[in-house]
Protein backbone atom coordinates (compact mmCIF):
# COMPACT_ATOMS: atom_id res chain seq x y z
CA MET A 1 -7.15 18.31 197.70
CA ILE A 2 -7.56 14.88 196.19
CA GLN A 3 -9.97 12.83 198.24
CA PRO A 4 -12.26 9.88 197.68
CA ASP A 5 -15.44 10.40 195.71
CA TYR A 6 -18.59 11.31 197.67
CA THR A 7 -20.69 8.60 196.02
CA ARG A 8 -18.10 5.92 196.78
CA ILE A 9 -17.79 6.97 200.42
CA GLN A 10 -21.59 7.09 200.68
CA GLN A 11 -21.86 3.55 199.32
CA LEU A 12 -19.16 2.24 201.65
CA LEU A 13 -20.74 3.90 204.69
CA SER A 14 -24.16 2.49 203.78
CA ARG A 15 -22.70 -0.97 203.41
CA GLU A 16 -21.03 -0.60 206.84
CA HIS A 17 -24.34 0.56 208.39
CA SER A 18 -22.91 3.96 209.27
CA VAL A 19 -24.87 6.18 211.62
CA THR A 20 -24.26 9.12 209.24
CA ASP A 21 -24.10 9.80 205.53
CA ALA A 22 -20.85 10.74 203.77
CA ALA A 23 -21.28 14.51 204.13
CA GLU A 24 -22.08 14.38 207.84
CA ALA A 25 -19.27 11.87 208.47
CA HIS A 26 -16.78 14.17 206.76
CA GLY A 27 -18.12 17.19 208.65
CA THR A 28 -17.70 15.25 211.91
CA LEU A 29 -14.12 14.44 210.93
CA ALA A 30 -13.30 18.06 210.11
CA GLY A 31 -14.92 19.31 213.33
CA CYS A 32 -13.03 16.79 215.45
CA LEU A 33 -9.75 17.64 213.73
CA CYS A 34 -10.40 21.33 214.44
CA GLY A 35 -11.39 20.87 218.08
CA ALA A 36 -9.69 17.78 219.47
CA SER A 37 -6.08 17.16 220.35
CA GLY A 38 -4.54 13.98 218.96
CA TYR A 39 -7.65 12.90 217.05
CA ARG A 40 -7.05 9.52 215.41
CA PHE A 41 -8.59 7.53 212.59
CA GLU A 42 -9.91 4.96 215.08
CA ASP A 43 -11.62 7.74 217.04
CA TRP A 44 -13.45 8.81 213.89
CA LEU A 45 -14.53 5.27 213.06
CA ARG A 46 -16.07 4.99 216.53
CA GLU A 47 -18.01 8.19 215.82
CA ILE A 48 -19.48 7.11 212.49
CA LEU A 49 -19.73 3.30 212.54
CA PRO A 50 -21.86 1.25 214.96
CA GLU A 51 -18.99 -1.06 215.97
CA GLY A 52 -16.20 1.38 215.13
CA ARG A 53 -14.86 -1.14 212.62
CA ALA A 54 -15.00 -1.49 208.84
CA ASP A 55 -14.03 -4.15 206.33
CA ARG A 56 -10.69 -3.79 204.55
CA VAL A 57 -12.05 -1.95 201.47
CA ALA A 58 -14.08 0.57 203.49
CA ARG A 59 -11.27 1.00 206.01
CA GLU A 60 -8.75 1.83 203.28
CA ALA A 61 -11.04 4.38 201.62
CA LEU A 62 -11.95 5.98 204.95
CA GLN A 63 -8.27 6.03 205.98
CA GLU A 64 -7.49 7.83 202.73
CA LEU A 65 -10.25 10.37 203.40
CA PHE A 66 -9.02 10.87 206.98
CA GLY A 67 -5.44 11.38 205.82
CA SER A 68 -6.26 13.74 202.96
CA THR A 69 -8.54 15.81 205.21
CA ALA A 70 -6.00 16.08 208.03
CA SER A 71 -3.25 16.92 205.56
CA ALA A 72 -5.31 19.58 203.76
CA LEU A 73 -6.17 21.32 207.02
CA ILE A 74 -2.51 21.80 207.98
CA GLN A 75 -1.41 22.96 204.52
CA PRO A 76 -0.90 26.71 204.14
CA ASP A 77 -2.23 26.73 200.57
CA MET A 78 -5.88 26.27 201.60
CA GLU A 79 -6.45 22.93 199.84
CA PHE A 80 -9.19 21.80 202.23
CA ASP A 81 -12.46 20.89 200.54
CA LEU A 82 -15.82 19.56 201.72
CA LEU A 83 -16.96 16.04 200.81
CA LEU A 84 -20.25 16.80 199.05
CA PRO A 85 -22.24 15.35 196.15
CA ASP A 86 -21.05 16.20 192.67
CA ASP A 87 -22.53 19.21 190.87
CA THR A 88 -24.42 16.85 188.58
CA GLU A 89 -26.71 15.95 191.51
CA SER A 90 -29.82 18.00 192.22
CA LEU A 91 -29.38 21.28 194.03
CA ALA A 92 -31.81 20.11 196.72
CA LEU A 93 -29.66 17.03 197.41
CA ARG A 94 -26.45 19.08 197.48
CA THR A 95 -28.01 21.66 199.80
CA GLN A 96 -29.21 18.93 202.15
CA ALA A 97 -25.73 17.41 202.15
CA LEU A 98 -24.17 20.80 202.96
CA SER A 99 -26.63 21.17 205.84
CA GLU A 100 -25.69 17.71 207.12
CA TRP A 101 -21.98 18.46 206.65
CA CYS A 102 -22.35 21.50 208.93
CA GLN A 103 -24.31 19.42 211.48
CA GLY A 104 -21.48 16.90 211.53
CA PHE A 105 -18.89 19.64 211.84
CA LEU A 106 -20.65 21.22 214.81
CA TYR A 107 -20.99 17.80 216.44
CA GLY A 108 -17.30 17.09 215.90
CA LEU A 109 -16.28 20.47 217.24
CA GLY A 110 -18.37 19.92 220.36
CA ALA A 111 -16.98 16.42 220.84
CA GLY A 112 -13.47 17.88 221.07
CA SER A 113 -12.18 20.46 223.49
CA ILE A 114 -14.82 23.05 222.49
CA PRO A 115 -17.95 22.05 224.45
CA ASP A 116 -20.03 25.07 223.35
CA ALA A 117 -18.62 26.38 220.11
CA SER A 118 -21.44 28.94 219.77
CA GLU A 119 -19.87 30.80 222.71
CA LEU A 120 -16.52 31.31 220.98
CA PRO A 121 -15.57 34.98 220.76
CA GLY A 122 -15.10 37.18 217.72
CA GLU A 123 -14.86 36.00 214.15
CA VAL A 124 -14.62 32.28 215.00
CA GLY A 125 -17.80 32.52 217.06
CA GLU A 126 -19.55 34.23 214.15
CA VAL A 127 -18.43 31.47 211.78
CA VAL A 128 -19.78 28.78 214.11
CA ARG A 129 -23.09 30.61 214.51
CA ASP A 130 -23.31 30.90 210.71
CA PHE A 131 -22.70 27.15 210.43
CA VAL A 132 -25.65 26.62 212.79
CA GLU A 133 -27.79 28.68 210.39
CA ILE A 134 -26.53 26.69 207.39
CA THR A 135 -27.83 23.49 209.02
CA HIS A 136 -31.28 24.89 208.13
CA ALA A 137 -30.41 25.74 204.50
CA GLU A 138 -32.95 24.95 201.79
CA VAL A 139 -33.35 25.72 198.12
CA ASP A 140 -35.37 28.91 197.63
CA ASP A 141 -38.18 28.01 195.23
CA GLY A 142 -38.81 31.74 194.68
CA GLN A 143 -35.39 32.18 193.06
CA ASP A 144 -34.30 31.04 189.64
CA VAL A 145 -31.92 28.10 189.24
CA GLU A 146 -28.90 30.31 188.57
CA ALA A 147 -29.45 32.38 191.72
CA ASN A 148 -29.85 29.23 193.83
CA GLU A 149 -26.71 27.68 192.30
CA SER A 150 -24.78 30.86 193.02
CA ALA A 151 -26.02 30.99 196.62
CA TYR A 152 -25.07 27.33 197.11
CA ALA A 153 -21.57 27.90 195.71
CA GLU A 154 -21.10 30.90 198.02
CA LEU A 155 -22.19 28.87 201.05
CA VAL A 156 -19.83 26.02 200.18
CA GLU A 157 -16.93 28.45 199.82
CA PHE A 158 -17.87 30.21 203.07
CA VAL A 159 -17.90 26.89 204.94
CA ARG A 160 -14.63 25.77 203.34
CA VAL A 161 -12.80 28.95 204.30
CA GLY A 162 -14.54 29.06 207.70
CA VAL A 163 -13.27 25.58 208.57
CA GLN A 164 -9.73 26.61 207.70
CA LEU A 165 -10.05 29.73 209.86
CA LEU A 166 -11.41 27.67 212.76
CA PHE A 167 -8.62 25.11 212.39
CA GLU A 168 -5.99 27.85 212.61
CA GLU A 169 -7.66 29.80 215.41
CA LEU A 170 -8.38 26.74 217.57
CA ALA A 171 -4.79 25.46 217.45
CA VAL A 172 -4.31 26.60 221.06
CA ALA A 173 -7.38 24.63 222.20
CA ARG A 174 -6.02 21.52 220.45
CA ALA A 175 -2.56 21.82 221.99
CA PRO A 176 -1.91 19.13 224.59
CA ALA A 177 -1.73 20.47 228.13
CA ALA A 178 1.69 20.58 229.78
CA PRO A 179 2.14 17.77 232.32
CA ALA A 180 1.45 18.87 235.88
CA GLY A 181 4.48 19.86 237.87
CA GLU A 182 6.73 20.55 234.88
CA PRO A 183 7.85 24.09 234.12
CA LEU A 184 6.42 25.65 230.99
CA HIS A 185 9.79 27.16 229.94
């Protein structure tokens, strides 16, 4: 998936006085897209920006991120990716961003039609409960750099695939309800 650069989105959000950083904002977007029916770009802006508005430059970049994220989630070829700092950043910063991404995702999921995602049954419930645990992730100072890098990469991949699973499995929860009084057939 081609999406805007984390650093650029972070700078734009800071300039717009966002209530979240780039990772958490993207997690919120992904969670809302997984759990809410008819989620729109304007809805997301109201979640992440104090006034729900952005200047033209920020709006265009955020619109691009919204579109690429929504598109990647519906694609069968598993192109979805998390908006996280580049691998050249410190592992501690990347781990913190992953934690915040998961916090945003859980918030977004709860803001949709899934009020208590931790109560979901089966595999999707396990994924959500694992995301809750990842919100507490830290670099293990007792491990060497390579082991920590490997653990981080595994967590990122787990979250990436978990989001795609949740998006597919929660399609029924996102489906708009049939209007009252009309037959379902």
